[in-house]
């Protein structure tokens, strides 16, 4: 539901209209272009690859369209890219939090976890005992963030049973 919270925030600020629910998505899409640049800069520091990557991402038609119609994907991509960027910068808490926010936006963020795992294993190959702790931290933080995003759901009178049914419906869909 996280992306819906951003859309509601946009509507509260700019009104219940197309501008209100689309603007947050456009802003996140712009931030995605910058994150692609930063991530590429981290991987290819002394080349023109970051500019090329950001330029190509900015004109890619699917992300361009999705950002203008208020799809969940734009938000999920932002948090997934930020999680990768933070992990590469050795900012584990920020990466864990961002991974949890990506999952709270769209479940397909789960496909980021093998890449995160590979990076963690590669970075900690000399300290193998840390890997399960880091992985457990990712899943614990992700679960807590996921539940925290549902606080408005619970505060509006819904029960844990309704929460479980909602999760099951999302899984079936």
N, C-alpha and C. Protein backbone atom coordinates (compact mmCIF):
# COMPACT_ATOMS: atom_id res chain seq x y z
N UNK A 1 0.79 -1.22 0.00
CA UNK A 1 0.00 0.00 0.00
C UNK A 1 0.83 1.28 0.00
N UNK A 2 2.16 1.16 0.09
CA UNK A 2 2.98 2.37 0.26
C UNK A 2 2.80 3.34 -0.90
N UNK A 3 2.75 2.83 -2.12
CA UNK A 3 2.59 3.74 -3.26
C UNK A 3 1.26 4.50 -3.18
N UNK A 4 0.25 3.83 -2.67
CA UNK A 4 -1.06 4.49 -2.52
C UNK A 4 -0.97 5.61 -1.49
N UNK A 5 -0.16 5.42 -0.45
CA UNK A 5 0.02 6.48 0.55
C UNK A 5 0.65 7.72 -0.09
N UNK A 6 1.62 7.50 -0.98
CA UNK A 6 2.24 8.64 -1.67
C UNK A 6 1.22 9.34 -2.58
N UNK A 7 0.38 8.57 -3.24
CA UNK A 7 -0.64 9.17 -4.11
C UNK A 7 -1.64 9.97 -3.29
N UNK A 8 -2.04 9.43 -2.14
CA UNK A 8 -2.97 10.14 -1.26
C UNK A 8 -2.34 11.44 -0.76
N UNK A 9 -1.07 11.38 -0.40
CA UNK A 9 -0.36 12.59 0.04
C UNK A 9 -0.37 13.65 -1.07
N UNK A 10 -0.11 13.22 -2.30
CA UNK A 10 -0.16 14.15 -3.43
C UNK A 10 -1.54 14.76 -3.61
N UNK A 11 -2.59 13.94 -3.42
CA UNK A 11 -3.95 14.46 -3.56
C UNK A 11 -4.31 15.41 -2.42
N UNK A 12 -3.77 15.15 -1.23
CA UNK A 12 -4.04 16.06 -0.11
C UNK A 12 -3.38 17.41 -0.34
N UNK A 13 -2.22 17.40 -0.99
CA UNK A 13 -1.49 18.65 -1.23
C UNK A 13 -2.04 19.39 -2.45
N UNK A 14 -2.28 18.67 -3.55
CA UNK A 14 -2.64 19.30 -4.82
C UNK A 14 -4.08 19.10 -5.24
N UNK A 15 -4.87 18.39 -4.44
CA UNK A 15 -6.27 18.19 -4.74
C UNK A 15 -6.53 16.81 -5.32
N UNK A 16 -7.80 16.43 -5.25
CA UNK A 16 -8.22 15.11 -5.75
C UNK A 16 -8.44 15.20 -7.25
N UNK A 17 -7.33 15.21 -7.96
CA UNK A 17 -7.38 15.30 -9.42
C UNK A 17 -6.17 14.56 -9.99
N UNK A 18 -6.10 14.49 -11.30
CA UNK A 18 -5.01 13.76 -11.95
C UNK A 18 -3.64 14.34 -11.57
N UNK A 19 -3.57 15.63 -11.41
CA UNK A 19 -2.30 16.27 -11.03
C UNK A 19 -1.87 15.78 -9.65
N UNK A 20 -2.81 15.71 -8.72
CA UNK A 20 -2.52 15.32 -7.35
C UNK A 20 -2.00 13.91 -7.22
N UNK A 21 -2.63 12.96 -7.91
CA UNK A 21 -2.17 11.58 -7.73
C UNK A 21 -1.05 11.18 -8.69
N UNK A 22 -0.77 12.00 -9.69
CA UNK A 22 0.32 11.68 -10.62
C UNK A 22 1.65 12.34 -10.26
N UNK A 23 1.61 13.50 -9.64
CA UNK A 23 2.84 14.23 -9.37
C UNK A 23 3.85 13.45 -8.52
N UNK A 24 3.43 12.78 -7.43
CA UNK A 24 4.44 12.01 -6.68
C UNK A 24 5.15 10.96 -7.53
N UNK A 25 4.42 10.32 -8.41
CA UNK A 25 5.01 9.31 -9.28
C UNK A 25 6.03 9.93 -10.23
N UNK A 26 5.72 11.10 -10.76
CA UNK A 26 6.66 11.79 -11.65
C UNK A 26 7.92 12.18 -10.89
N UNK A 27 7.76 12.66 -9.66
CA UNK A 27 8.92 13.04 -8.85
C UNK A 27 9.79 11.82 -8.53
N UNK A 28 9.17 10.71 -8.21
CA UNK A 28 9.93 9.49 -7.95
C UNK A 28 10.63 9.01 -9.22
N UNK A 29 9.98 9.18 -10.35
CA UNK A 29 10.60 8.79 -11.62
C UNK A 29 11.84 9.63 -11.92
N UNK A 30 11.76 10.91 -11.63
CA UNK A 30 12.93 11.77 -11.79
C UNK A 30 14.05 11.34 -10.85
N UNK A 31 13.69 11.00 -9.63
CA UNK A 31 14.68 10.51 -8.67
C UNK A 31 15.29 9.18 -9.15
N UNK A 32 14.49 8.37 -9.83
CA UNK A 32 15.00 7.10 -10.36
C UNK A 32 16.11 7.34 -11.39
N UNK A 33 15.93 8.35 -12.21
CA UNK A 33 16.96 8.67 -13.21
C UNK A 33 18.26 9.03 -12.49
N UNK A 34 18.15 9.82 -11.44
CA UNK A 34 19.34 10.20 -10.68
C UNK A 34 19.96 8.99 -9.98
N UNK A 35 19.12 8.10 -9.45
CA UNK A 35 19.65 6.89 -8.80
C UNK A 35 20.34 5.97 -9.80
N UNK A 36 19.81 5.88 -11.01
CA UNK A 36 20.49 5.10 -12.05
C UNK A 36 21.87 5.69 -12.31
N UNK A 37 21.93 7.01 -12.36
CA UNK A 37 23.21 7.69 -12.55
C UNK A 37 24.17 7.38 -11.39
N UNK A 38 23.69 7.53 -10.15
CA UNK A 38 24.55 7.30 -8.98
C UNK A 38 25.00 5.85 -8.89
N UNK A 39 24.10 4.94 -9.16
CA UNK A 39 24.45 3.52 -9.12
C UNK A 39 25.47 3.18 -10.19
N UNK A 40 25.27 3.71 -11.38
CA UNK A 40 26.24 3.49 -12.47
C UNK A 40 27.58 4.13 -12.14
N UNK A 41 27.54 5.29 -11.50
CA UNK A 41 28.78 5.97 -11.09
C UNK A 41 29.54 5.13 -10.06
N UNK A 42 28.81 4.47 -9.20
CA UNK A 42 29.42 3.60 -8.21
C UNK A 42 30.10 2.40 -8.89
N UNK A 43 29.47 1.89 -9.94
CA UNK A 43 30.00 0.70 -10.61
C UNK A 43 31.06 1.03 -11.66
N UNK A 44 30.92 2.17 -12.31
CA UNK A 44 31.84 2.59 -13.37
C UNK A 44 32.30 4.02 -13.11
N UNK A 45 33.17 4.23 -12.12
CA UNK A 45 33.48 5.58 -11.67
C UNK A 45 34.20 6.48 -12.67
N UNK A 46 35.01 5.92 -13.53
CA UNK A 46 35.80 6.78 -14.42
C UNK A 46 35.43 6.56 -15.88
N UNK A 47 34.13 6.64 -16.14
CA UNK A 47 33.68 6.43 -17.52
C UNK A 47 32.45 7.29 -17.78
N UNK A 48 31.96 7.21 -18.99
CA UNK A 48 30.76 7.93 -19.38
C UNK A 48 29.51 7.05 -19.23
N UNK A 49 29.69 5.84 -18.71
CA UNK A 49 28.57 4.91 -18.55
C UNK A 49 27.44 5.50 -17.70
N UNK A 50 27.74 6.20 -16.59
CA UNK A 50 26.64 6.75 -15.79
C UNK A 50 25.74 7.71 -16.57
N UNK A 51 26.34 8.58 -17.37
CA UNK A 51 25.51 9.50 -18.18
C UNK A 51 24.70 8.74 -19.22
N UNK A 52 25.32 7.76 -19.85
CA UNK A 52 24.61 6.95 -20.85
C UNK A 52 23.47 6.19 -20.20
N UNK A 53 23.74 5.56 -19.04
CA UNK A 53 22.70 4.79 -18.35
C UNK A 53 21.53 5.67 -17.95
N UNK A 54 21.81 6.82 -17.36
CA UNK A 54 20.73 7.74 -16.95
C UNK A 54 19.98 8.27 -18.16
N UNK A 55 20.71 8.58 -19.23
CA UNK A 55 20.06 9.06 -20.45
C UNK A 55 19.15 8.01 -21.06
N UNK A 56 19.63 6.78 -21.15
CA UNK A 56 18.81 5.71 -21.71
C UNK A 56 17.60 5.41 -20.83
N UNK A 57 17.81 5.43 -19.52
CA UNK A 57 16.69 5.19 -18.61
C UNK A 57 15.63 6.28 -18.73
N UNK A 58 16.07 7.51 -18.92
CA UNK A 58 15.12 8.63 -18.98
C UNK A 58 14.25 8.60 -20.23
N UNK A 59 14.70 7.95 -21.29
CA UNK A 59 13.89 7.90 -22.51
C UNK A 59 13.27 6.52 -22.74
N UNK A 60 13.47 5.60 -21.80
CA UNK A 60 12.86 4.28 -21.93
C UNK A 60 11.35 4.43 -21.77
N UNK A 61 10.61 3.94 -22.73
CA UNK A 61 9.18 4.27 -22.81
C UNK A 61 8.33 3.67 -21.69
N UNK A 62 8.61 2.47 -21.24
CA UNK A 62 7.76 1.86 -20.22
C UNK A 62 7.83 2.63 -18.90
N UNK A 63 9.04 2.94 -18.45
CA UNK A 63 9.16 3.68 -17.19
C UNK A 63 8.61 5.10 -17.35
N UNK A 64 8.76 5.67 -18.54
CA UNK A 64 8.23 7.01 -18.79
C UNK A 64 6.71 7.01 -18.65
N UNK A 65 6.06 6.04 -19.27
CA UNK A 65 4.59 5.97 -19.22
C UNK A 65 4.11 5.65 -17.82
N UNK A 66 4.74 4.67 -17.17
CA UNK A 66 4.29 4.27 -15.84
C UNK A 66 4.42 5.41 -14.83
N UNK A 67 5.41 6.23 -15.01
CA UNK A 67 5.58 7.34 -14.06
C UNK A 67 4.50 8.40 -14.25
N UNK A 68 3.90 8.45 -15.39
CA UNK A 68 2.89 9.49 -15.66
C UNK A 68 1.47 9.02 -15.40
N UNK A 69 1.28 7.72 -15.13
CA UNK A 69 -0.08 7.25 -14.85
C UNK A 69 -0.22 6.74 -13.42
N UNK A 70 0.80 6.92 -12.61
CA UNK A 70 0.69 6.59 -11.19
C UNK A 70 0.72 5.11 -10.89
N UNK A 71 1.63 4.38 -11.48
CA UNK A 71 1.75 2.94 -11.22
C UNK A 71 2.65 2.70 -10.01
N UNK A 72 2.46 1.57 -9.36
CA UNK A 72 3.27 1.19 -8.20
C UNK A 72 4.73 0.97 -8.57
N UNK A 73 4.98 0.59 -9.80
CA UNK A 73 6.33 0.21 -10.23
C UNK A 73 7.35 1.33 -10.03
N UNK A 74 6.94 2.55 -10.28
CA UNK A 74 7.86 3.68 -10.15
C UNK A 74 8.40 3.79 -8.73
N UNK A 75 7.53 3.63 -7.76
CA UNK A 75 7.94 3.71 -6.36
C UNK A 75 8.81 2.52 -5.99
N UNK A 76 8.40 1.33 -6.42
CA UNK A 76 9.17 0.12 -6.11
C UNK A 76 10.57 0.21 -6.70
N UNK A 77 10.68 0.69 -7.93
CA UNK A 77 11.98 0.83 -8.57
C UNK A 77 12.85 1.81 -7.79
N UNK A 78 12.26 2.90 -7.32
CA UNK A 78 13.02 3.87 -6.54
C UNK A 78 13.64 3.21 -5.31
N UNK A 79 12.81 2.52 -4.53
CA UNK A 79 13.32 1.92 -3.30
C UNK A 79 14.29 0.77 -3.58
N UNK A 80 14.06 0.02 -4.66
CA UNK A 80 14.98 -1.06 -5.02
C UNK A 80 16.34 -0.49 -5.43
N UNK A 81 16.33 0.54 -6.27
CA UNK A 81 17.59 1.17 -6.68
C UNK A 81 18.31 1.78 -5.49
N UNK A 82 17.56 2.41 -4.60
CA UNK A 82 18.19 3.01 -3.42
C UNK A 82 18.77 1.93 -2.51
N UNK A 83 18.09 0.81 -2.40
CA UNK A 83 18.61 -0.29 -1.58
C UNK A 83 19.93 -0.80 -2.14
N UNK A 84 20.00 -0.97 -3.45
CA UNK A 84 21.25 -1.39 -4.09
C UNK A 84 22.35 -0.36 -3.89
N UNK A 85 22.01 0.90 -4.12
CA UNK A 85 23.00 1.97 -3.98
C UNK A 85 23.53 2.03 -2.55
N UNK A 86 22.63 1.96 -1.57
CA UNK A 86 23.06 2.02 -0.17
C UNK A 86 23.92 0.82 0.20
N UNK A 87 23.57 -0.35 -0.31
CA UNK A 87 24.37 -1.53 -0.03
C UNK A 87 25.78 -1.39 -0.61
N UNK A 88 25.88 -0.89 -1.82
CA UNK A 88 27.19 -0.69 -2.43
C UNK A 88 28.01 0.35 -1.68
N UNK A 89 27.34 1.29 -1.04
CA UNK A 89 28.03 2.32 -0.24
C UNK A 89 28.24 1.87 1.20
N UNK A 90 27.92 0.62 1.47
CA UNK A 90 28.07 0.02 2.81
C UNK A 90 27.20 0.68 3.86
N UNK A 91 26.05 1.13 3.46
CA UNK A 91 25.07 1.71 4.37
C UNK A 91 23.96 0.68 4.59
N UNK A 92 24.27 -0.35 5.38
CA UNK A 92 23.35 -1.47 5.56
C UNK A 92 21.98 -1.06 6.12
N UNK A 93 21.90 -0.24 7.16
CA UNK A 93 20.57 0.12 7.66
C UNK A 93 19.70 0.80 6.60
N UNK A 94 20.28 1.70 5.84
CA UNK A 94 19.51 2.38 4.78
C UNK A 94 19.08 1.39 3.70
N UNK A 95 19.97 0.45 3.37
CA UNK A 95 19.64 -0.55 2.37
C UNK A 95 18.52 -1.46 2.85
N UNK A 96 18.60 -1.88 4.11
CA UNK A 96 17.55 -2.74 4.69
C UNK A 96 16.20 -2.03 4.71
N UNK A 97 16.21 -0.79 5.16
CA UNK A 97 14.98 0.00 5.22
C UNK A 97 14.39 0.18 3.82
N UNK A 98 15.23 0.49 2.88
CA UNK A 98 14.75 0.72 1.52
C UNK A 98 14.22 -0.57 0.89
N UNK A 99 14.87 -1.70 1.18
CA UNK A 99 14.36 -2.98 0.69
C UNK A 99 12.97 -3.25 1.27
N UNK A 100 12.79 -2.96 2.56
CA UNK A 100 11.48 -3.13 3.17
C UNK A 100 10.43 -2.22 2.54
N UNK A 101 10.83 -0.99 2.23
CA UNK A 101 9.89 -0.06 1.57
C UNK A 101 9.55 -0.53 0.16
N UNK A 102 10.53 -1.11 -0.53
CA UNK A 102 10.26 -1.65 -1.87
C UNK A 102 9.24 -2.78 -1.79
N UNK A 103 9.40 -3.67 -0.81
CA UNK A 103 8.44 -4.76 -0.63
C UNK A 103 7.07 -4.25 -0.23
N UNK A 104 7.03 -3.17 0.56
CA UNK A 104 5.75 -2.59 0.98
C UNK A 104 5.07 -1.87 -0.17
N UNK A 105 5.81 -1.65 -1.24
CA UNK A 105 5.24 -1.00 -2.42
C UNK A 105 4.70 -2.03 -3.41
N UNK A 106 5.52 -3.05 -3.64
CA UNK A 106 5.11 -4.09 -4.59
C UNK A 106 5.90 -5.35 -4.27
N UNK A 107 5.20 -6.47 -4.23
CA UNK A 107 5.84 -7.72 -3.86
C UNK A 107 6.92 -8.16 -4.83
N UNK A 108 6.88 -7.69 -6.05
CA UNK A 108 7.90 -8.11 -7.01
C UNK A 108 9.29 -7.63 -6.62
N UNK A 109 9.39 -6.79 -5.61
CA UNK A 109 10.70 -6.38 -5.09
C UNK A 109 11.45 -7.57 -4.50
N UNK A 110 10.74 -8.65 -4.24
CA UNK A 110 11.38 -9.86 -3.71
C UNK A 110 12.48 -10.35 -4.65
N UNK A 111 12.34 -10.06 -5.94
CA UNK A 111 13.34 -10.51 -6.91
C UNK A 111 14.65 -9.75 -6.79
N UNK A 112 14.67 -8.72 -5.99
CA UNK A 112 15.91 -8.01 -5.69
C UNK A 112 16.77 -8.78 -4.70
N UNK A 113 16.15 -9.62 -3.89
CA UNK A 113 16.88 -10.29 -2.81
C UNK A 113 18.03 -11.17 -3.29
N UNK A 114 17.95 -11.91 -4.40
CA UNK A 114 19.15 -12.66 -4.82
C UNK A 114 20.34 -11.76 -5.16
N UNK A 115 20.07 -10.62 -5.77
CA UNK A 115 21.16 -9.70 -6.09
C UNK A 115 21.77 -9.12 -4.81
N UNK A 116 20.91 -8.73 -3.87
CA UNK A 116 21.41 -8.24 -2.59
C UNK A 116 22.24 -9.32 -1.90
N UNK A 117 21.75 -10.57 -1.94
CA UNK A 117 22.47 -11.68 -1.31
C UNK A 117 23.83 -11.88 -1.95
N UNK A 118 23.90 -11.82 -3.27
CA UNK A 118 25.18 -11.98 -3.95
C UNK A 118 26.17 -10.89 -3.55
N UNK A 119 25.70 -9.67 -3.48
CA UNK A 119 26.58 -8.57 -3.08
C UNK A 119 27.06 -8.77 -1.65
N UNK A 120 26.14 -9.17 -0.77
CA UNK A 120 26.51 -9.39 0.64
C UNK A 120 27.52 -10.53 0.75
N UNK A 121 27.29 -11.61 0.04
CA UNK A 121 28.22 -12.75 0.08
C UNK A 121 29.58 -12.34 -0.46
N UNK A 122 29.60 -11.63 -1.58
CA UNK A 122 30.87 -11.20 -2.16
C UNK A 122 31.63 -10.27 -1.23
N UNK A 123 30.91 -9.33 -0.63
CA UNK A 123 31.57 -8.36 0.25
C UNK A 123 32.06 -8.97 1.56
N UNK A 124 31.41 -10.07 1.99
CA UNK A 124 31.74 -10.66 3.28
C UNK A 124 32.29 -12.08 3.15
N UNK A 125 32.90 -12.39 2.03
CA UNK A 125 33.38 -13.75 1.80
C UNK A 125 34.48 -14.17 2.77
N UNK A 126 35.14 -13.22 3.39
CA UNK A 126 36.17 -13.55 4.39
C UNK A 126 35.60 -13.62 5.81
N UNK A 127 34.37 -13.16 5.95
CA UNK A 127 33.70 -13.18 7.26
C UNK A 127 32.35 -13.88 7.10
N UNK A 128 32.37 -15.16 6.84
CA UNK A 128 31.16 -15.92 6.51
C UNK A 128 30.12 -15.92 7.63
N UNK A 129 30.55 -15.77 8.87
CA UNK A 129 29.60 -15.78 9.98
C UNK A 129 28.69 -14.56 9.97
N UNK A 130 29.10 -13.50 9.31
CA UNK A 130 28.28 -12.29 9.25
C UNK A 130 27.11 -12.43 8.27
N UNK A 131 27.25 -13.26 7.26
CA UNK A 131 26.26 -13.33 6.19
C UNK A 131 24.86 -13.69 6.72
N UNK A 132 24.70 -14.75 7.54
CA UNK A 132 23.35 -15.03 8.06
C UNK A 132 22.79 -13.89 8.92
N UNK A 133 23.66 -13.21 9.67
CA UNK A 133 23.19 -12.08 10.48
C UNK A 133 22.68 -10.94 9.61
N UNK A 134 23.43 -10.64 8.56
CA UNK A 134 23.01 -9.56 7.65
C UNK A 134 21.72 -9.95 6.94
N UNK A 135 21.65 -11.19 6.45
CA UNK A 135 20.44 -11.65 5.76
C UNK A 135 19.24 -11.61 6.70
N UNK A 136 19.43 -12.07 7.93
CA UNK A 136 18.35 -12.02 8.91
C UNK A 136 17.92 -10.59 9.19
N UNK A 137 18.90 -9.69 9.25
CA UNK A 137 18.58 -8.28 9.45
C UNK A 137 17.73 -7.73 8.32
N UNK A 138 18.07 -8.09 7.10
CA UNK A 138 17.28 -7.62 5.95
C UNK A 138 15.83 -8.07 6.08
N UNK A 139 15.62 -9.34 6.39
CA UNK A 139 14.25 -9.85 6.46
C UNK A 139 13.50 -9.33 7.67
N UNK A 140 14.20 -9.15 8.79
CA UNK A 140 13.54 -8.60 9.97
C UNK A 140 13.11 -7.15 9.72
N UNK A 141 14.01 -6.34 9.20
CA UNK A 141 13.68 -4.94 8.91
C UNK A 141 12.57 -4.88 7.86
N UNK A 142 12.66 -5.72 6.83
CA UNK A 142 11.63 -5.72 5.78
C UNK A 142 10.26 -6.06 6.36
N UNK A 143 10.20 -7.05 7.25
CA UNK A 143 8.93 -7.43 7.86
C UNK A 143 8.38 -6.30 8.73
N UNK A 144 9.25 -5.66 9.51
CA UNK A 144 8.80 -4.57 10.37
C UNK A 144 8.32 -3.36 9.55
N UNK A 145 9.04 -3.04 8.49
CA UNK A 145 8.64 -1.93 7.62
C UNK A 145 7.31 -2.26 6.95
N UNK A 146 7.18 -3.48 6.47
CA UNK A 146 5.94 -3.92 5.81
C UNK A 146 4.75 -3.76 6.76
N UNK A 147 4.91 -4.22 7.98
CA UNK A 147 3.82 -4.08 8.97
C UNK A 147 3.57 -2.62 9.32
N UNK A 148 4.62 -1.83 9.42
CA UNK A 148 4.45 -0.41 9.75
C UNK A 148 3.66 0.32 8.67
N UNK A 149 3.84 -0.06 7.43
CA UNK A 149 3.10 0.58 6.34
C UNK A 149 1.61 0.27 6.46
N UNK A 150 1.29 -0.84 7.08
CA UNK A 150 -0.12 -1.23 7.26
C UNK A 150 -0.75 -0.65 8.53
N UNK A 151 -0.04 0.17 9.28
CA UNK A 151 -0.62 0.74 10.49
C UNK A 151 -1.93 1.48 10.24
N UNK A 152 -2.05 2.30 9.17
CA UNK A 152 -3.35 2.93 8.92
C UNK A 152 -4.48 1.92 8.71
N UNK A 153 -4.16 0.78 8.12
CA UNK A 153 -5.12 -0.30 7.91
C UNK A 153 -5.64 -0.80 9.26
N UNK A 154 -4.71 -1.02 10.20
CA UNK A 154 -5.11 -1.50 11.52
C UNK A 154 -5.80 -0.42 12.33
N UNK A 155 -5.33 0.82 12.24
CA UNK A 155 -5.94 1.91 12.99
C UNK A 155 -7.35 2.23 12.52
N UNK A 156 -7.67 1.85 11.30
CA UNK A 156 -9.03 2.10 10.80
C UNK A 156 -9.99 0.97 11.19
N UNK A 157 -9.54 0.05 12.06
CA UNK A 157 -10.45 -0.96 12.60
C UNK A 157 -10.33 -2.35 12.00
N UNK A 158 -9.40 -2.56 11.09
CA UNK A 158 -9.23 -3.89 10.51
C UNK A 158 -8.49 -4.81 11.47
N UNK A 159 -8.73 -6.10 11.32
CA UNK A 159 -8.14 -7.09 12.22
C UNK A 159 -6.98 -7.82 11.55
N UNK A 160 -6.26 -8.60 12.39
CA UNK A 160 -5.17 -9.43 11.85
C UNK A 160 -5.71 -10.46 10.86
N UNK A 161 -6.91 -10.94 11.11
CA UNK A 161 -7.52 -11.91 10.18
C UNK A 161 -7.76 -11.25 8.83
N UNK A 162 -8.27 -10.03 8.84
CA UNK A 162 -8.48 -9.31 7.59
C UNK A 162 -7.15 -9.01 6.89
N UNK A 163 -6.13 -8.70 7.68
CA UNK A 163 -4.79 -8.49 7.12
C UNK A 163 -4.30 -9.76 6.42
N UNK A 164 -4.45 -10.90 7.10
CA UNK A 164 -4.03 -12.18 6.51
C UNK A 164 -4.82 -12.50 5.25
N UNK A 165 -6.12 -12.22 5.25
CA UNK A 165 -6.94 -12.45 4.06
C UNK A 165 -6.50 -11.54 2.90
N UNK A 166 -6.17 -10.30 3.22
CA UNK A 166 -5.70 -9.37 2.19
C UNK A 166 -4.40 -9.86 1.58
N UNK A 167 -3.49 -10.34 2.43
CA UNK A 167 -2.22 -10.86 1.92
C UNK A 167 -2.46 -12.08 1.03
N UNK A 168 -3.39 -12.93 1.43
CA UNK A 168 -3.72 -14.11 0.63
C UNK A 168 -4.31 -13.72 -0.71
N UNK A 169 -5.19 -12.72 -0.72
CA UNK A 169 -5.77 -12.25 -1.98
C UNK A 169 -4.71 -11.67 -2.90
N UNK A 170 -3.75 -10.92 -2.33
CA UNK A 170 -2.67 -10.37 -3.13
C UNK A 170 -1.80 -11.49 -3.69
N UNK A 171 -1.56 -12.52 -2.89
CA UNK A 171 -0.76 -13.65 -3.37
C UNK A 171 -1.47 -14.36 -4.50
N UNK A 172 -2.78 -14.60 -4.37
CA UNK A 172 -3.53 -15.27 -5.42
C UNK A 172 -3.55 -14.44 -6.70
N UNK A 173 -3.65 -13.12 -6.54
CA UNK A 173 -3.68 -12.25 -7.72
C UNK A 173 -2.37 -12.31 -8.47
